[in-house]
Protein backbone atom coordinates (compact mmCIF):
# COMPACT_ATOMS: atom_id res chain seq x y z
CA MET A 1 17.97 -27.46 -7.52
CA THR A 2 15.89 -23.79 -6.91
CA ALA A 3 12.57 -24.63 -5.55
CA VAL A 4 9.88 -23.43 -6.95
CA ILE A 5 6.74 -22.26 -5.45
CA ASP A 6 3.67 -21.76 -7.21
CA TYR A 7 0.30 -20.10 -6.21
CA LEU A 8 1.16 -19.57 -2.39
CA ASP A 9 -1.88 -18.57 0.45
CA ASP A 10 -0.19 -15.30 0.56
CA ASP A 11 -0.61 -15.16 -3.24
CA ASN A 12 -4.28 -15.22 -2.95
CA GLN A 13 -5.36 -12.40 -1.95
CA PRO A 14 -7.30 -9.12 -4.54
CA VAL A 15 -5.15 -7.68 -6.21
CA ALA A 16 -7.14 -5.89 -9.42
CA LEU A 17 -4.61 -2.93 -10.64
CA LEU A 18 -5.76 -1.05 -13.60
CA ARG A 19 -3.94 -0.63 -16.92
CA PRO A 20 -2.95 3.10 -17.92
CA SER A 21 -4.01 5.21 -20.75
CA GLU A 22 -1.76 6.31 -23.20
CA ASP A 23 -3.06 9.57 -22.03
CA ASP A 24 -2.16 8.48 -18.36
CA LEU A 25 1.58 8.01 -19.73
CA GLU A 26 1.83 11.20 -21.52
CA TYR A 27 0.30 12.68 -18.85
CA LEU A 28 3.50 12.36 -16.73
CA ASP A 29 5.72 12.30 -19.67
CA ALA A 30 5.14 15.83 -20.06
CA THR A 31 5.46 16.00 -15.38
CA THR A 32 8.41 14.97 -15.41
CA ILE A 33 11.33 16.48 -13.89
CA CYS A 34 14.68 14.63 -13.23
CA ARG A 35 18.35 14.43 -12.95
CA GLU A 36 20.21 12.07 -15.03
CA ILE A 37 21.82 9.22 -12.12
CA LYS A 38 25.58 9.56 -12.20
CA GLU A 39 27.78 7.04 -10.36
CA SER A 40 30.25 9.93 -9.38
CA ASP A 41 27.16 11.14 -7.63
CA PHE A 42 27.00 9.20 -5.65
CA PRO A 43 30.30 7.83 -4.66
CA ASN A 44 30.72 4.38 -2.35
CA TRP A 45 26.85 4.11 -2.96
CA GLU A 46 27.60 0.08 -2.98
CA ASP A 47 28.91 0.30 0.60
CA ARG A 48 25.30 1.89 1.50
CA LEU A 49 23.80 -1.04 0.48
CA ARG A 50 25.57 -3.16 2.61
CA ASP A 51 25.36 -1.28 5.27
CA HIS A 52 22.61 -2.67 7.71
CA ALA A 53 21.71 -0.03 9.67
CA ALA A 54 21.13 2.06 6.53
CA SER A 55 17.72 -0.25 5.29
CA PRO A 56 14.62 0.60 5.90
CA LEU A 57 13.50 -3.10 6.48
CA PRO A 58 13.68 -3.27 10.13
CA HIS A 59 11.14 -0.71 10.25
CA MET A 60 8.68 -1.07 7.68
CA ARG A 61 5.19 -2.79 8.36
CA THR A 62 4.07 -5.66 7.57
CA GLN A 63 0.57 -5.24 5.42
CA ARG A 64 -2.23 -7.54 4.09
CA GLN A 65 -4.38 -5.99 1.94
CA ARG A 66 -8.43 -6.93 2.43
CA ARG A 67 -9.59 -4.70 -0.17
CA ASN A 68 -8.28 -4.24 -4.11
CA ASP A 69 -6.00 -1.18 -3.02
CA CYS A 70 -2.48 -2.63 -3.82
CA GLN A 71 -1.77 0.37 -5.34
CA GLY A 72 -2.54 2.73 -1.91
CA GLN A 73 -0.39 0.15 0.40
CA ALA A 74 2.57 0.57 -2.85
CA LEU A 75 1.73 4.57 -2.25
CA ALA A 76 1.85 4.37 1.61
CA GLY A 77 4.62 1.58 1.82
CA GLY A 78 7.15 3.57 -0.69
CA THR A 79 6.39 6.82 0.99
CA GLU A 80 7.14 5.70 4.31
CA ALA A 81 10.34 3.88 2.84
CA ARG A 82 11.72 7.42 1.66
CA ARG A 83 10.72 9.40 5.02
CA HIS A 84 12.87 7.04 6.69
CA TYR A 85 15.73 7.85 4.05
CA THR A 86 15.12 11.58 4.28
CA THR A 87 14.01 12.17 8.49
CA GLY A 88 15.87 9.46 9.60
CA ARG A 89 11.91 8.80 10.77
CA MET A 90 9.14 5.88 9.95
CA GLY A 91 5.69 6.83 10.32
CA GLN A 92 2.56 5.05 9.37
CA LEU A 93 1.14 6.59 6.73
CA SER A 94 -2.65 5.81 5.15
CA ASP A 95 -2.64 3.30 2.37
CA ILE A 96 -6.02 3.26 2.03
CA TYR A 97 -6.25 7.19 1.85
CA GLY A 98 -4.27 6.49 -1.42
CA TYR A 99 -6.42 4.26 -3.05
CA ASN A 100 -9.33 6.75 -2.86
CA ALA A 101 -7.79 9.40 -4.22
CA THR A 102 -6.52 7.51 -6.80
CA GLU A 103 -10.01 5.99 -7.13
CA TYR A 104 -11.44 10.05 -7.42
CA ILE A 105 -8.82 11.10 -10.04
CA THR A 106 -9.65 7.90 -11.97
CA GLY A 107 -13.13 9.89 -12.28
CA PRO A 108 -15.27 10.68 -9.11
CA LYS A 109 -18.05 8.00 -9.88
CA ASN A 110 -15.28 5.37 -9.10
CA VAL A 111 -14.50 6.64 -5.29
CA GLY A 112 -16.03 3.67 -3.10
CA ARG A 113 -16.47 0.98 -6.10
CA ASP A 114 -13.18 -1.20 -5.27
CA ARG A 115 -12.17 -1.97 -9.02
CA GLY A 116 -8.78 -0.86 -8.46
CA SER A 117 -6.42 2.15 -10.00
CA ASN A 118 -3.51 2.70 -11.87
CA ILE A 119 -0.14 3.21 -10.58
CA LEU A 120 0.52 6.14 -13.44
CA ILE A 121 -2.53 7.77 -11.01
CA GLY A 122 -0.79 6.82 -7.81
CA VAL A 123 2.42 8.65 -8.81
CA ARG A 124 -0.21 11.48 -9.50
CA VAL A 125 -1.50 11.11 -5.96
CA ILE A 126 1.97 11.64 -4.28
CA THR A 127 3.56 14.32 -6.76
CA GLU A 128 0.70 16.74 -7.32
CA GLY A 129 -2.00 15.37 -5.19
CA ILE A 130 -5.73 16.66 -6.92
CA PRO A 131 -5.15 20.06 -7.70
CA ASN A 132 -8.19 21.47 -8.58
CA GLN A 133 -9.69 20.78 -5.35
CA ASN A 134 -6.85 22.20 -3.63
CA ILE A 135 -5.54 18.84 -2.10
CA LYS A 136 -1.63 18.91 -1.55
CA PRO A 137 0.42 15.57 -2.67
CA GLY A 138 1.22 13.20 -0.20
CA LEU A 139 -1.00 11.05 2.34
CA PRO A 140 -1.75 11.26 5.88
CA THR A 141 -0.98 9.35 8.67
CA GLU A 142 -2.90 6.03 9.02
CA GLN A 143 -4.41 7.29 12.45
CA GLU A 144 -5.91 9.81 11.44
CA TRP A 145 -7.53 7.87 7.71
CA PRO A 146 -7.38 4.29 9.10
CA TYR A 147 -7.64 1.46 7.05
CA ASP A 148 -11.05 0.52 7.79
CA THR A 149 -12.80 4.58 7.25
CA TYR A 150 -12.34 3.81 3.23
CA GLU A 151 -15.10 5.98 1.10
CA ARG A 152 -17.80 4.90 -0.59
CA ASP A 153 -19.27 8.62 -1.90
CA SER A 154 -16.83 11.29 -3.82
CA SER A 155 -17.95 14.42 -1.87
CA GLU A 156 -17.49 12.50 1.41
CA PHE A 157 -14.08 11.41 0.52
CA ILE A 158 -13.08 15.14 -1.06
CA THR A 159 -14.75 16.94 2.32
CA ARG A 160 -12.38 14.70 4.69
CA ALA A 161 -9.76 15.04 2.54
CA LYS A 162 -9.55 18.61 2.55
CA ASN A 163 -9.84 18.30 6.03
CA ALA A 164 -6.93 15.89 6.97
CA ALA A 165 -3.18 17.08 7.58
CA ILE A 166 -1.34 15.62 4.24
CA THR A 167 1.89 14.21 5.18
CA ASP A 168 4.27 15.43 2.11
CA GLY A 169 5.63 12.25 -0.03
CA CYS A 170 9.21 13.84 0.28
CA VAL A 171 9.05 13.78 -3.87
CA ALA A 172 10.78 16.15 -6.25
CA GLU A 173 11.27 13.92 -9.45
CA GLN A 174 9.42 11.12 -11.10
CA LEU A 175 11.18 9.80 -14.30
CA PRO A 176 10.63 5.59 -16.08
CA MET A 177 11.83 3.46 -14.64
CA PRO A 178 15.93 3.17 -15.30
CA ALA A 179 18.41 0.68 -16.33
CA TRP A 180 19.41 -1.84 -13.54
CA LYS A 181 22.59 -0.27 -12.73
CA GLU A 182 20.88 2.94 -11.92
CA MET A 183 17.86 1.41 -10.17
CA LEU A 184 20.69 0.04 -7.05
CA ILE A 185 21.84 3.76 -7.19
CA ALA A 186 18.85 4.89 -6.88
CA VAL A 187 17.49 3.27 -4.44
CA ALA A 188 20.63 3.58 -2.42
CA ALA A 189 20.09 7.62 -2.95
CA ARG A 190 16.32 6.98 -1.38
CA GLY A 191 14.56 5.95 -4.85
CA THR A 192 11.85 4.44 -4.40
CA GLY A 193 10.28 2.35 -7.61
CA HIS A 194 6.19 2.37 -7.78
CA ILE A 195 5.51 -0.33 -9.81
CA GLY A 196 3.13 -2.91 -11.83
CA THR A 197 3.47 -6.54 -12.50
CA TYR A 198 1.38 -9.30 -13.85
CA TRP A 199 0.11 -11.67 -10.51
CA PRO A 200 1.05 -14.25 -9.37
CA PRO A 201 4.51 -15.07 -10.32
CA ARG A 202 6.11 -18.16 -10.31
CA TRP A 203 8.53 -18.41 -7.17
CA ARG A 204 11.90 -19.29 -6.19
CA GLN A 205 13.55 -19.14 -3.08
CA LEU A 206 16.79 -16.98 -1.74
CA ASN A 207 17.27 -16.28 1.35
CA GLY A 208 14.79 -17.27 3.27
CA LYS A 209 12.35 -15.32 1.07
CA LYS A 210 10.36 -15.12 -2.33
CA CYS A 211 12.34 -14.05 -5.68
CA MET A 212 10.56 -12.72 -8.35
CA ASP A 213 13.49 -14.33 -10.95
CA ARG A 214 11.42 -13.79 -14.21
CA ALA A 215 8.62 -11.72 -15.54
CA PRO A 216 4.88 -12.87 -15.23
CA ARG A 217 3.23 -12.93 -18.43
CA GLY A 218 -0.36 -13.35 -17.09
CA GLY A 219 -2.68 -13.12 -14.89
CA GLY A 220 -4.13 -9.82 -12.99
CA GLY A 221 -2.33 -7.09 -12.15
CA HIS A 222 -0.52 -6.36 -8.65
CA ALA A 223 0.96 -2.90 -7.51
CA THR A 224 4.44 -2.99 -5.18
CA GLU A 225 7.23 -0.90 -4.11
CA ILE A 226 10.76 -1.56 -4.68
CA ILE A 227 12.54 -0.33 -1.92
CA TRP A 228 16.35 -1.15 -1.31
CA ALA A 229 18.38 -3.77 -2.54
CA GLU A 230 20.22 -6.87 -0.99
CA GLU A 231 23.68 -8.38 -2.22
CA ILE A 232 22.90 -12.66 -1.84
CA SER A 233 26.62 -14.91 -2.92
CA GLY A 234 27.51 -11.57 -4.45
CA ASN A 235 24.25 -10.86 -6.65
CA TRP A 236 22.54 -7.49 -6.37
CA TYR A 237 19.35 -8.55 -5.63
CA LEU A 238 15.89 -5.45 -5.74
CA VAL A 239 13.82 -5.64 -2.24
CA VAL A 240 10.22 -5.37 -3.42
CA TRP A 241 7.74 -4.22 -0.83
CA ASN A 242 4.63 -6.58 -0.89
CA SER A 243 0.95 -6.37 1.00
CA HIS A 244 0.26 -9.75 0.69
CA GLY A 245 1.22 -10.41 4.59
CA ASP A 246 4.83 -11.08 3.49
CA GLY A 247 6.26 -8.08 4.43
CA PHE A 248 9.07 -8.05 0.78
CA PHE A 249 10.39 -10.78 -1.99
CA TYR A 250 13.05 -10.10 -4.12
CA MET A 251 13.44 -9.52 -7.75
CA SER A 252 16.15 -10.41 -10.00
CA ARG A 253 18.66 -8.19 -12.02
CA GLN A 254 17.34 -10.33 -14.97
CA CYS A 255 13.37 -10.08 -13.86
CA TYR A 256 13.91 -6.06 -13.48
CA GLU A 257 15.60 -5.93 -17.02
CA ASP A 258 12.77 -8.08 -18.49
CA LEU A 259 10.50 -5.46 -16.87
CA GLN A 260 12.69 -1.90 -17.33
CA GLN A 261 12.85 -2.74 -21.25
CA ARG A 262 9.15 -2.58 -21.82
CA GLN A 263 8.60 0.30 -18.89
CA PHE A 264 6.59 -2.48 -16.87
CA ARG A 265 3.81 -2.63 -19.40
CA PRO A 266 0.89 -2.88 -19.62
CA PHE A 267 0.59 -1.84 -15.80
CA GLY A 268 3.55 0.99 -15.89
CA GLY A 269 6.00 1.76 -13.38
CA ARG A 270 7.03 4.84 -11.63
CA LEU A 271 10.94 6.13 -10.65
CA LEU A 272 10.34 8.39 -7.35
CA MET A 273 13.29 10.31 -6.02
CA PRO A 274 13.42 12.56 -3.23
CA ILE A 275 14.52 16.42 -3.46
CA ASN A 276 18.75 17.03 -3.43
CA ALA A 277 18.78 13.50 -3.53
CA ALA A 278 23.00 13.72 -5.08
CA GLU A 279 23.63 16.76 -2.19
CA GLN A 280 21.42 14.46 0.68
CA PHE A 281 23.55 10.97 -0.31
CA VAL A 282 26.46 12.48 1.75
CA ASN A 283 24.36 13.05 4.81
CA TRP A 284 23.02 10.10 5.47
CA ALA A 285 20.34 9.90 8.56
CA THR A 286 20.50 12.99 9.42
CA GLU A 287 17.28 15.03 10.34
CA SER A 288 16.11 16.65 6.94
CA PRO A 289 14.89 19.83 6.31
CA TYR A 290 14.01 19.83 3.23
CA PHE A 291 10.48 18.05 4.32
CA GLU A 292 9.60 19.40 7.80
């Protein structure tokens, strides 16, 4: 019998995630640039996912959020994973900058209020930055913008951001969350899924980890990042990076398909793909010139 774990201690963390407006969704839809994810462009993608050497998991850092900054944590984790895919290197990026930036784009008066932010505005931090302030897309390093230097004033945030060295977000395309098989191909091709769900879920145990087997239907909102997939007993599970000190959890096909059918509403989700994903697929683990 499958064990169900409900309300574990590491789920009792700040999880504030705001719901995007229809304007936010229309804005991203209007700026969507993407190519169709075709299986023929990514030969032997299942073998890529089965290759443990290709997985970013051994290189990811475990984080435990102490504010309502799950959005920033997910942005940083996803960007770190994409940079590992595209450059072969794993650097630590500033999650708290990502959170501050989403607060600013939501409205400058929100900076420092620690009320959370929404998934779709987070995508804008990575894909376009803050153009009206000439701040480019991406995140500074954790060393330059440490977690404990959360800015409380919008003008001070902008002054500091303009002087920061922003690391490219490694995103060329953002698009709605795709169907199950295309999502597996996307993570094999270095894409990540920036998602929001109700929280906490009811968990089941799988392979020594927690598994979100059914889409949560109520509670607060929480941002996480789909960064990989693993095959367990003949079934594929998405690997979702979390910020509650537990590293990652699994997401089953039935859970994903339920959420994808609704495009992860009410919180939203977006697939973030790197430049020339199909072309780079055959050059996995080689240093890429595109982002340096």
